[in-house]
């Protein structure tokens, strides 16, 4: 039963609407960091 549950969870995890690869994850982190930096600069100004 546990193996069946694990396989079902893995199956659902593999069937994601969007694929989060390391490259996409890095781009998202960089974009968020840039936005935060711009916000902090505006707050300082």
C-alpha atoms as a PDB file:
ATOM      1  CA  UNK A   1       0.000   0.000   0.000  1.00  0.00           C
ATOM      2  CA  UNK A   2       2.810   2.428   0.906  1.00  0.00           C
ATOM      3  CA  UNK A   3       4.620   1.719  -2.367  1.00  0.00           C
ATOM      4  CA  UNK A   4       1.412   2.341  -4.316  1.00  0.00           C
ATOM      5  CA  UNK A   5       0.872   5.644  -2.494  1.00  0.00           C
ATOM      6  CA  UNK A   6       4.469   6.725  -3.136  1.00  0.00           C
ATOM      7  CA  UNK A   7       4.193   5.879  -6.835  1.00  0.00           C
ATOM      8  CA  UNK A   8       0.948   7.879  -7.064  1.00  0.00           C
ATOM      9  CA  UNK A   9       2.567  10.874  -5.362  1.00  0.00           C
ATOM     10  CA  UNK A  10       5.583  10.667  -7.670  1.00  0.00           C
ATOM     11  CA  UNK A  11       3.278  10.380 -10.671  1.00  0.00           C
ATOM     12  CA  UNK A  12       1.378  13.525  -9.625  1.00  0.00           C
ATOM     13  CA  UNK A  13       4.656  15.351  -8.935  1.00  0.00           C
ATOM     14  CA  UNK A  14       5.936  14.470 -12.426  1.00  0.00           C
ATOM     15  CA  UNK A  15       2.721  15.692 -14.064  1.00  0.00           C
ATOM     16  CA  UNK A  16       3.171  19.398 -13.306  1.00  0.00           C
ATOM     17  CA  UNK A  17       1.459  22.023 -15.503  1.00  0.00           C
ATOM     18  CA  UNK A  18       4.766  23.917 -15.654  1.00  0.00           C
ATOM     19  CA  UNK A  19       8.241  22.390 -15.522  1.00  0.00           C
ATOM     20  CA  UNK A  20      10.503  24.066 -12.970  1.00  0.00           C
ATOM     21  CA  UNK A  21      13.998  23.395 -14.239  1.00  0.00           C
ATOM     22  CA  UNK A  22      17.097  24.788 -12.522  1.00  0.00           C
ATOM     23  CA  UNK A  23      17.455  27.399 -15.279  1.00  0.00           C
ATOM     24  CA  UNK A  24      13.867  28.655 -14.930  1.00  0.00           C
ATOM     25  CA  UNK A  25      14.206  28.611 -11.126  1.00  0.00           C
ATOM     26  CA  UNK A  26      17.393  30.698 -11.346  1.00  0.00           C
ATOM     27  CA  UNK A  27      15.727  33.217 -13.681  1.00  0.00           C
ATOM     28  CA  UNK A  28      12.766  33.554 -11.294  1.00  0.00           C
ATOM     29  CA  UNK A  29      15.080  34.085  -8.305  1.00  0.00           C
ATOM     30  CA  UNK A  30      17.128  36.671 -10.238  1.00  0.00           C
ATOM     31  CA  UNK A  31      14.012  38.564 -11.358  1.00  0.00           C
ATOM     32  CA  UNK A  32      12.618  38.610  -7.803  1.00  0.00           C
ATOM     33  CA  UNK A  33      16.010  39.794  -6.470  1.00  0.00           C
ATOM     34  CA  UNK A  34      16.150  42.588  -9.057  1.00  0.00           C
ATOM     35  CA  UNK A  35      12.618  43.714  -8.154  1.00  0.00           C
ATOM     36  CA  UNK A  36      13.508  43.735  -4.463  1.00  0.00           C
ATOM     37  CA  UNK A  37      16.675  45.733  -5.168  1.00  0.00           C
ATOM     38  CA  UNK A  38      14.715  48.292  -7.200  1.00  0.00           C
ATOM     39  CA  UNK A  39      12.103  48.531  -4.432  1.00  0.00           C
ATOM     40  CA  UNK A  40      14.778  49.082  -1.783  1.00  0.00           C
ATOM     41  CA  UNK A  41      16.421  51.760  -3.961  1.00  0.00           C
ATOM     42  CA  UNK A  42      13.076  53.550  -4.383  1.00  0.00           C
ATOM     43  CA  UNK A  43      12.471  53.347  -0.634  1.00  0.00           C
ATOM     44  CA  UNK A  44      15.944  54.789   0.061  1.00  0.00           C
ATOM     45  CA  UNK A  45      15.334  57.604  -2.456  1.00  0.00           C
END
